[in-house]
PDB file of all heavy atoms in Angstrom:
ATOM      1  N   LEU A   1       2.695  13.115  -4.430  1.00  0.00           N
ATOM      2  CA  LEU A   1       2.067  13.736  -3.231  1.00  0.00           C
ATOM      3  C   LEU A   1       0.748  14.397  -3.550  1.00  0.00           C
ATOM      4  O   LEU A   1      -0.029  14.659  -2.624  1.00  0.00           O
ATOM      5  CB  LEU A   1       3.033  14.767  -2.605  1.00  0.00           C
ATOM      6  CG  LEU A   1       4.306  14.241  -1.990  1.00  0.00           C
ATOM      7  CD1 LEU A   1       5.155  15.316  -1.430  1.00  0.00           C
ATOM      8  CD2 LEU A   1       3.975  13.217  -0.866  1.00  0.00           C
ATOM      9  N   LEU A   2       0.494  14.693  -4.814  1.00  0.00           N
ATOM     10  CA  LEU A   2      -0.756  15.306  -5.180  1.00  0.00           C
ATOM     11  C   LEU A   2      -1.785  14.321  -5.705  1.00  0.00           C
ATOM     12  O   LEU A   2      -2.881  14.696  -6.089  1.00  0.00           O
ATOM     13  CB  LEU A   2      -0.466  16.424  -6.255  1.00  0.00           C
ATOM     14  CG  LEU A   2       0.384  17.554  -5.799  1.00  0.00           C
ATOM     15  CD1 LEU A   2       0.692  18.490  -6.969  1.00  0.00           C
ATOM     16  CD2 LEU A   2      -0.304  18.346  -4.684  1.00  0.00           C
ATOM     17  N   ARG A   3      -1.404  13.034  -5.678  1.00  0.00           N
ATOM     18  CA  ARG A   3      -2.275  12.052  -6.235  1.00  0.00           C
ATOM     19  C   ARG A   3      -3.178  11.421  -5.167  1.00  0.00           C
ATOM     20  O   ARG A   3      -2.716  11.037  -4.107  1.00  0.00           O
ATOM     21  CB  ARG A   3      -1.407  10.930  -6.890  1.00  0.00           C
ATOM     22  CG  ARG A   3      -2.189   9.885  -7.636  1.00  0.00           C
ATOM     23  CD  ARG A   3      -1.207   9.022  -8.481  1.00  0.00           C
ATOM     24  NE  ARG A   3      -1.994   7.993  -9.185  1.00  0.00           N
ATOM     25  CZ  ARG A   3      -1.432   7.095 -10.004  1.00  0.00           C
ATOM     26  NH1 ARG A   3      -0.140   7.198 -10.265  1.00  0.00           N
ATOM     27  NH2 ARG A   3      -2.150   6.171 -10.601  1.00  0.00           N
ATOM     28  N   PRO A   4      -4.469  11.321  -5.447  1.00  0.00           N
ATOM     29  CA  PRO A   4      -5.351  10.630  -4.466  1.00  0.00           C
ATOM     30  C   PRO A   4      -5.148   9.133  -4.552  1.00  0.00           C
ATOM     31  O   PRO A   4      -4.562   8.606  -5.542  1.00  0.00           O
ATOM     32  CB  PRO A   4      -6.787  11.010  -4.988  1.00  0.00           C
ATOM     33  CG  PRO A   4      -6.591  11.233  -6.440  1.00  0.00           C
ATOM     34  CD  PRO A   4      -5.225  11.828  -6.636  1.00  0.00           C
ATOM     35  N   GLY A   5      -5.522   8.452  -3.541  1.00  0.00           N
ATOM     36  CA  GLY A   5      -5.414   7.004  -3.574  1.00  0.00           C
ATOM     37  C   GLY A   5      -6.361   6.381  -4.571  1.00  0.00           C
ATOM     38  O   GLY A   5      -7.444   6.908  -4.817  1.00  0.00           O
ATOM     39  N   ASP A   6      -5.901   5.311  -5.201  1.00  0.00           N
ATOM     40  CA  ASP A   6      -6.754   4.582  -6.138  1.00  0.00           C
ATOM     41  C   ASP A   6      -6.229   3.163  -6.263  1.00  0.00           C
ATOM     42  O   ASP A   6      -5.150   2.842  -5.753  1.00  0.00           O
ATOM     43  CB  ASP A   6      -6.934   5.287  -7.514  1.00  0.00           C
ATOM     44  CG  ASP A   6      -5.594   5.473  -8.229  1.00  0.00           C
ATOM     45  OD1 ASP A   6      -4.788   4.541  -8.289  1.00  0.00           O
ATOM     46  OD2 ASP A   6      -5.354   6.594  -8.735  1.00  0.00           O
ATOM     47  N   ALA A   7      -6.916   2.343  -7.052  1.00  0.00           N
ATOM     48  CA  ALA A   7      -6.547   0.968  -7.181  1.00  0.00           C
ATOM     49  C   ALA A   7      -5.176   0.746  -7.797  1.00  0.00           C
ATOM     50  O   ALA A   7      -4.464  -0.185  -7.450  1.00  0.00           O
ATOM     51  CB  ALA A   7      -7.615   0.206  -7.961  1.00  0.00           C
ATOM     52  N   ASN A   8      -4.812   1.639  -8.709  1.00  0.00           N
ATOM     53  CA  ASN A   8      -3.546   1.471  -9.352  1.00  0.00           C
ATOM     54  C   ASN A   8      -2.368   2.049  -8.538  1.00  0.00           C
ATOM     55  O   ASN A   8      -1.303   1.433  -8.453  1.00  0.00           O
ATOM     56  CB  ASN A   8      -3.546   2.173 -10.728  1.00  0.00           C
ATOM     57  CG  ASN A   8      -4.486   1.492 -11.730  1.00  0.00           C
ATOM     58  OD1 ASN A   8      -4.552   0.244 -11.729  1.00  0.00           O
ATOM     59  ND2 ASN A   8      -5.176   2.227 -12.523  1.00  0.00           N
ATOM     60  N   PHE A   9      -2.602   3.178  -7.969  1.00  0.00           N
ATOM     61  CA  PHE A   9      -1.537   3.867  -7.248  1.00  0.00           C
ATOM     62  C   PHE A   9      -1.365   3.305  -5.813  1.00  0.00           C
ATOM     63  O   PHE A   9      -0.280   3.249  -5.257  1.00  0.00           O
ATOM     64  CB  PHE A   9      -1.831   5.375  -7.159  1.00  0.00           C
ATOM     65  CG  PHE A   9      -0.804   6.197  -6.402  1.00  0.00           C
ATOM     66  CD1 PHE A   9       0.496   6.264  -6.797  1.00  0.00           C
ATOM     67  CD2 PHE A   9      -1.219   6.870  -5.271  1.00  0.00           C
ATOM     68  CE1 PHE A   9       1.412   7.030  -6.101  1.00  0.00           C
ATOM     69  CE2 PHE A   9      -0.290   7.657  -4.504  1.00  0.00           C
ATOM     70  CZ  PHE A   9       1.000   7.734  -4.995  1.00  0.00           C
ATOM     71  N   GLY A  10      -2.469   2.867  -5.225  1.00  0.00           N
ATOM     72  CA  GLY A  10      -2.501   2.470  -3.840  1.00  0.00           C
ATOM     73  C   GLY A  10      -2.965   3.614  -2.964  1.00  0.00           C
ATOM     74  O   GLY A  10      -3.520   4.610  -3.502  1.00  0.00           O
ATOM     75  N   PRO A  11      -2.694   3.577  -1.685  1.00  0.00           N
ATOM     76  CA  PRO A  11      -3.220   4.626  -0.785  1.00  0.00           C
ATOM     77  C   PRO A  11      -2.586   5.982  -1.031  1.00  0.00           C
ATOM     78  O   PRO A  11      -1.403   6.049  -1.455  1.00  0.00           O
ATOM     79  CB  PRO A  11      -2.930   4.094   0.595  1.00  0.00           C
ATOM     80  CG  PRO A  11      -1.746   3.217   0.389  1.00  0.00           C
ATOM     81  CD  PRO A  11      -1.928   2.610  -0.914  1.00  0.00           C
ATOM     82  N   LYS A  12      -3.299   7.027  -0.781  1.00  0.00           N
ATOM     83  CA  LYS A  12      -2.727   8.375  -0.778  1.00  0.00           C
ATOM     84  C   LYS A  12      -1.582   8.425   0.229  1.00  0.00           C
ATOM     85  O   LYS A  12      -1.657   7.812   1.331  1.00  0.00           O
ATOM     86  CB  LYS A  12      -3.810   9.377  -0.362  1.00  0.00           C
ATOM     87  CG  LYS A  12      -3.416  10.813  -0.366  1.00  0.00           C
ATOM     88  CD  LYS A  12      -4.645  11.664   0.022  1.00  0.00           C
ATOM     89  CE  LYS A  12      -4.335  13.139  -0.004  1.00  0.00           C
ATOM     90  NZ  LYS A  12      -5.538  13.950   0.324  1.00  0.00           N
ATOM     91  N   VAL A  13      -0.509   9.136  -0.120  1.00  0.00           N
ATOM     92  CA  VAL A  13       0.627   9.301   0.830  1.00  0.00           C
ATOM     93  C   VAL A  13       0.155  10.180   1.957  1.00  0.00           C
ATOM     94  O   VAL A  13      -0.194  11.333   1.784  1.00  0.00           O
ATOM     95  CB  VAL A  13       1.847   9.876   0.151  1.00  0.00           C
ATOM     96  CG1 VAL A  13       2.976  10.102   1.119  1.00  0.00           C
ATOM     97  CG2 VAL A  13       2.323   8.993  -0.996  1.00  0.00           C
ATOM     98  N   GLU A  14       0.128   9.618   3.205  1.00  0.00           N
ATOM     99  CA  GLU A  14      -0.313  10.337   4.378  1.00  0.00           C
ATOM    100  C   GLU A  14       0.853  10.820   5.264  1.00  0.00           C
ATOM    101  O   GLU A  14       0.638  11.742   6.060  1.00  0.00           O
ATOM    102  CB  GLU A  14      -1.261   9.474   5.205  1.00  0.00           C
ATOM    103  CG  GLU A  14      -2.547   9.101   4.490  1.00  0.00           C
ATOM    104  CD  GLU A  14      -3.483   8.287   5.427  1.00  0.00           C
ATOM    105  OE1 GLU A  14      -3.688   8.731   6.585  1.00  0.00           O
ATOM    106  OE2 GLU A  14      -3.949   7.225   5.000  1.00  0.00           O
ATOM    107  N   ALA A  15       1.976  10.139   5.172  1.00  0.00           N
ATOM    108  CA  ALA A  15       3.091  10.481   6.048  1.00  0.00           C
ATOM    109  C   ALA A  15       4.388  10.357   5.226  1.00  0.00           C
ATOM    110  O   ALA A  15       4.531   9.405   4.466  1.00  0.00           O
ATOM    111  CB  ALA A  15       3.148   9.594   7.286  1.00  0.00           C
ATOM    112  N   LEU A  16       5.306  11.250   5.509  1.00  0.00           N
ATOM    113  CA  LEU A  16       6.585  11.297   4.800  1.00  0.00           C
ATOM    114  C   LEU A  16       7.694  11.557   5.798  1.00  0.00           C
ATOM    115  O   LEU A  16       7.580  12.451   6.631  1.00  0.00           O
ATOM    116  CB  LEU A  16       6.513  12.470   3.782  1.00  0.00           C
ATOM    117  CG  LEU A  16       7.518  12.575   2.669  1.00  0.00           C
ATOM    118  CD1 LEU A  16       7.488  11.363   1.747  1.00  0.00           C
ATOM    119  CD2 LEU A  16       7.233  13.826   1.838  1.00  0.00           C
ATOM    120  N   VAL A  17       8.704  10.724   5.759  1.00  0.00           N
ATOM    121  CA  VAL A  17       9.854  10.888   6.635  1.00  0.00           C
ATOM    122  C   VAL A  17      11.062  11.164   5.735  1.00  0.00           C
ATOM    123  O   VAL A  17      11.472  10.323   4.951  1.00  0.00           O
ATOM    124  CB  VAL A  17      10.099   9.650   7.524  1.00  0.00           C
ATOM    125  CG1 VAL A  17      11.301   9.938   8.431  1.00  0.00           C
ATOM    126  CG2 VAL A  17       8.866   9.333   8.333  1.00  0.00           C
ATOM    127  N   VAL A  18      11.618  12.371   5.837  1.00  0.00           N
ATOM    128  CA  VAL A  18      12.640  12.861   4.957  1.00  0.00           C
ATOM    129  C   VAL A  18      13.992  12.912   5.685  1.00  0.00           C
ATOM    130  O   VAL A  18      14.025  13.548   6.765  1.00  0.00           O
ATOM    131  CB  VAL A  18      12.297  14.216   4.346  1.00  0.00           C
ATOM    132  CG1 VAL A  18      13.401  14.709   3.370  1.00  0.00           C
ATOM    133  CG2 VAL A  18      10.953  14.193   3.617  1.00  0.00           C
ATOM    134  N   TYR A  19      15.031  12.370   5.129  1.00  0.00           N
ATOM    135  CA  TYR A  19      16.369  12.476   5.676  1.00  0.00           C
ATOM    136  C   TYR A  19      17.367  12.380   4.560  1.00  0.00           C
ATOM    137  O   TYR A  19      17.126  11.768   3.509  1.00  0.00           O
ATOM    138  CB  TYR A  19      16.600  11.382   6.734  1.00  0.00           C
ATOM    139  CG  TYR A  19      16.297   9.960   6.292  1.00  0.00           C
ATOM    140  CD1 TYR A  19      17.335   9.076   6.017  1.00  0.00           C
ATOM    141  CD2 TYR A  19      14.990   9.535   6.176  1.00  0.00           C
ATOM    142  CE1 TYR A  19      17.059   7.804   5.575  1.00  0.00           C
ATOM    143  CE2 TYR A  19      14.687   8.263   5.735  1.00  0.00           C
ATOM    144  CZ  TYR A  19      15.719   7.406   5.441  1.00  0.00           C
ATOM    145  OH  TYR A  19      15.474   6.090   5.015  1.00  0.00           O
ATOM    146  N   ASN A  20      18.510  13.024   4.747  1.00  0.00           N
ATOM    147  CA  ASN A  20      19.578  13.021   3.712  1.00  0.00           C
ATOM    148  C   ASN A  20      19.133  13.549   2.370  1.00  0.00           C
ATOM    149  O   ASN A  20      19.614  13.152   1.342  1.00  0.00           O
ATOM    150  CB  ASN A  20      20.163  11.584   3.489  1.00  0.00           C
ATOM    151  CG  ASN A  20      20.767  11.030   4.753  1.00  0.00           C
ATOM    152  OD1 ASN A  20      21.157  11.762   5.634  1.00  0.00           O
ATOM    153  ND2 ASN A  20      20.851   9.707   4.866  1.00  0.00           N
ATOM    154  N   SER A  21      18.134  14.446   2.403  1.00  0.00           N
ATOM    155  CA  SER A  21      17.642  14.994   1.138  1.00  0.00           C
ATOM    156  C   SER A  21      16.867  16.294   1.426  1.00  0.00           C
ATOM    157  O   SER A  21      16.377  16.506   2.489  1.00  0.00           O
ATOM    158  CB  SER A  21      16.735  14.009   0.406  1.00  0.00           C
ATOM    159  OG  SER A  21      16.425  14.502  -0.894  1.00  0.00           O
ATOM    160  N   ASN A  22      16.739  17.087   0.383  1.00  0.00           N
ATOM    161  CA  ASN A  22      15.977  18.386   0.418  1.00  0.00           C
ATOM    162  C   ASN A  22      15.081  18.397  -0.806  1.00  0.00           C
ATOM    163  O   ASN A  22      15.328  19.189  -1.738  1.00  0.00           O
ATOM    164  CB  ASN A  22      16.970  19.521   0.446  1.00  0.00           C
ATOM    165  CG  ASN A  22      16.286  20.882   0.551  1.00  0.00           C
ATOM    166  OD1 ASN A  22      15.106  20.997   0.764  1.00  0.00           O
ATOM    167  ND2 ASN A  22      17.075  21.951   0.311  1.00  0.00           N
ATOM    168  N   PRO A  23      14.081  17.530  -0.893  1.00  0.00           N
ATOM    169  CA  PRO A  23      13.319  17.390  -2.112  1.00  0.00           C
ATOM    170  C   PRO A  23      12.623  18.597  -2.659  1.00  0.00           C
ATOM    171  O   PRO A  23      12.455  18.796  -3.841  1.00  0.00           O
ATOM    172  CB  PRO A  23      12.361  16.251  -1.811  1.00  0.00           C
ATOM    173  CG  PRO A  23      12.260  16.197  -0.291  1.00  0.00           C
ATOM    174  CD  PRO A  23      13.623  16.590   0.162  1.00  0.00           C
ATOM    175  N   VAL A  24      12.224  19.494  -1.769  1.00  0.00           N
ATOM    176  CA  VAL A  24      11.510  20.692  -2.246  1.00  0.00           C
ATOM    177  C   VAL A  24      12.422  21.541  -3.114  1.00  0.00           C
ATOM    178  O   VAL A  24      11.959  22.239  -3.991  1.00  0.00           O
ATOM    179  CB  VAL A  24      10.966  21.499  -1.029  1.00  0.00           C
ATOM    180  CG1 VAL A  24      10.291  22.780  -1.522  1.00  0.00           C
ATOM    181  CG2 VAL A  24       9.905  20.663  -0.290  1.00  0.00           C
ATOM    182  N   ALA A  25      13.727  21.442  -2.846  1.00  0.00           N
ATOM    183  CA  ALA A  25      14.699  22.191  -3.682  1.00  0.00           C
ATOM    184  C   ALA A  25      15.205  21.339  -4.832  1.00  0.00           C
ATOM    185  O   ALA A  25      15.450  21.879  -5.935  1.00  0.00           O
ATOM    186  CB  ALA A  25      15.849  22.661  -2.845  1.00  0.00           C
ATOM    187  N   VAL A  26      15.423  20.019  -4.628  1.00  0.00           N
ATOM    188  CA  VAL A  26      16.191  19.230  -5.645  1.00  0.00           C
ATOM    189  C   VAL A  26      15.319  18.414  -6.576  1.00  0.00           C
ATOM    190  O   VAL A  26      15.815  18.003  -7.616  1.00  0.00           O
ATOM    191  CB  VAL A  26      17.226  18.337  -4.939  1.00  0.00           C
ATOM    192  CG1 VAL A  26      18.157  19.135  -4.035  1.00  0.00           C
ATOM    193  CG2 VAL A  26      16.584  17.167  -4.192  1.00  0.00           C
ATOM    194  N   ALA A  27      14.077  18.105  -6.232  1.00  0.00           N
ATOM    195  CA  ALA A  27      13.241  17.291  -7.104  1.00  0.00           C
ATOM    196  C   ALA A  27      12.729  18.129  -8.249  1.00  0.00           C
ATOM    197  O   ALA A  27      12.488  19.313  -8.147  1.00  0.00           O
ATOM    198  CB  ALA A  27      12.159  16.655  -6.318  1.00  0.00           C
ATOM    199  N   PRO A  28      12.474  17.471  -9.434  1.00  0.00           N
ATOM    200  CA  PRO A  28      12.002  18.230 -10.589  1.00  0.00           C
ATOM    201  C   PRO A  28      10.564  18.743 -10.411  1.00  0.00           C
ATOM    202  O   PRO A  28       9.804  18.190  -9.615  1.00  0.00           O
ATOM    203  CB  PRO A  28      12.096  17.187 -11.733  1.00  0.00           C
ATOM    204  CG  PRO A  28      12.088  15.874 -11.096  1.00  0.00           C
ATOM    205  CD  PRO A  28      12.743  16.036  -9.709  1.00  0.00           C
ATOM    206  N   GLU A  29      10.273  19.776 -11.215  1.00  0.00           N
ATOM    207  CA  GLU A  29       8.988  20.444 -11.177  1.00  0.00           C
ATOM    208  C   GLU A  29       8.598  20.808  -9.796  1.00  0.00           C
ATOM    209  O   GLU A  29       7.630  20.406  -9.219  1.00  0.00           O
ATOM    210  CB  GLU A  29       7.887  19.569 -11.863  1.00  0.00           C
ATOM    211  CG  GLU A  29       6.691  20.370 -12.334  1.00  0.00           C
ATOM    212  CD  GLU A  29       5.750  19.602 -13.211  1.00  0.00           C
ATOM    213  OE1 GLU A  29       6.054  18.449 -13.565  1.00  0.00           O
ATOM    214  OE2 GLU A  29       4.694  20.197 -13.529  1.00  0.00           O
ATOM    215  N   SER A  30       9.443  21.655  -9.172  1.00  0.00           N
ATOM    216  CA  SER A  30       9.403  21.888  -7.755  1.00  0.00           C
ATOM    217  C   SER A  30       8.156  22.647  -7.319  1.00  0.00           C
ATOM    218  O   SER A  30       7.807  22.608  -6.098  1.00  0.00           O
ATOM    219  CB  SER A  30      10.647  22.606  -7.272  1.00  0.00           C
ATOM    220  OG  SER A  30      10.829  23.829  -7.940  1.00  0.00           O
ATOM    221  N   LEU A  31       7.444  23.297  -8.214  1.00  0.00           N
ATOM    222  CA  LEU A  31       6.165  23.921  -7.794  1.00  0.00           C
ATOM    223  C   LEU A  31       5.229  22.868  -7.284  1.00  0.00           C
ATOM    224  O   LEU A  31       4.551  23.016  -6.263  1.00  0.00           O
ATOM    225  CB  LEU A  31       5.531  24.726  -8.973  1.00  0.00           C
ATOM    226  CG  LEU A  31       4.166  25.326  -8.667  1.00  0.00           C
ATOM    227  CD1 LEU A  31       4.303  26.342  -7.533  1.00  0.00           C
ATOM    228  CD2 LEU A  31       3.628  26.017  -9.919  1.00  0.00           C
ATOM    229  N   LYS A  32       5.125  21.755  -8.045  1.00  0.00           N
ATOM    230  CA  LYS A  32       4.247  20.630  -7.577  1.00  0.00           C
ATOM    231  C   LYS A  32       4.797  20.004  -6.320  1.00  0.00           C
ATOM    232  O   LYS A  32       4.017  19.618  -5.445  1.00  0.00           O
ATOM    233  CB  LYS A  32       4.148  19.589  -8.710  1.00  0.00           C
ATOM    234  CG  LYS A  32       3.231  19.975  -9.844  1.00  0.00           C
ATOM    235  CD  LYS A  32       3.041  18.790 -10.777  1.00  0.00           C
ATOM    236  CE  LYS A  32       2.028  19.114 -11.873  1.00  0.00           C
ATOM    237  NZ  LYS A  32       1.808  17.951 -12.774  1.00  0.00           N
ATOM    238  N   VAL A  33       6.125  19.891  -6.202  1.00  0.00           N
ATOM    239  CA  VAL A  33       6.684  19.311  -4.989  1.00  0.00           C
ATOM    240  C   VAL A  33       6.336  20.173  -3.804  1.00  0.00           C
ATOM    241  O   VAL A  33       5.899  19.631  -2.769  1.00  0.00           O
ATOM    242  CB  VAL A  33       8.239  19.162  -5.126  1.00  0.00           C
ATOM    243  CG1 VAL A  33       8.833  18.556  -3.853  1.00  0.00           C
ATOM    244  CG2 VAL A  33       8.603  18.345  -6.312  1.00  0.00           C
ATOM    245  N   ALA A  34       6.489  21.458  -3.890  1.00  0.00           N
ATOM    246  CA  ALA A  34       6.137  22.385  -2.805  1.00  0.00           C
ATOM    247  C   ALA A  34       4.668  22.289  -2.484  1.00  0.00           C
ATOM    248  O   ALA A  34       4.281  22.325  -1.312  1.00  0.00           O
ATOM    249  CB  ALA A  34       6.570  23.796  -3.158  1.00  0.00           C
ATOM    250  N   GLN A  35       3.809  22.222  -3.495  1.00  0.00           N
ATOM    251  CA  GLN A  35       2.367  22.095  -3.270  1.00  0.00           C
ATOM    252  C   GLN A  35       2.040  20.798  -2.511  1.00  0.00           C
ATOM    253  O   GLN A  35       1.216  20.803  -1.620  1.00  0.00           O
ATOM    254  CB  GLN A  35       1.619  22.133  -4.610  1.00  0.00           C
ATOM    255  CG  GLN A  35       1.621  23.510  -5.262  1.00  0.00           C
ATOM    256  CD  GLN A  35       1.049  23.470  -6.671  1.00  0.00           C
ATOM    257  OE1 GLN A  35       0.890  22.405  -7.286  1.00  0.00           O
ATOM    258  NE2 GLN A  35       0.730  24.624  -7.215  1.00  0.00           N
TER     259      GLN A  35
END
């Protein structure tokens, strides 16, 4: 989510649809996730 778009990564993530998960709490290195 903090990565700009480029040729290797592809486009910057502009939209996120979240269901059946709470990534801000459960994903690793959550400071970056929250940012």
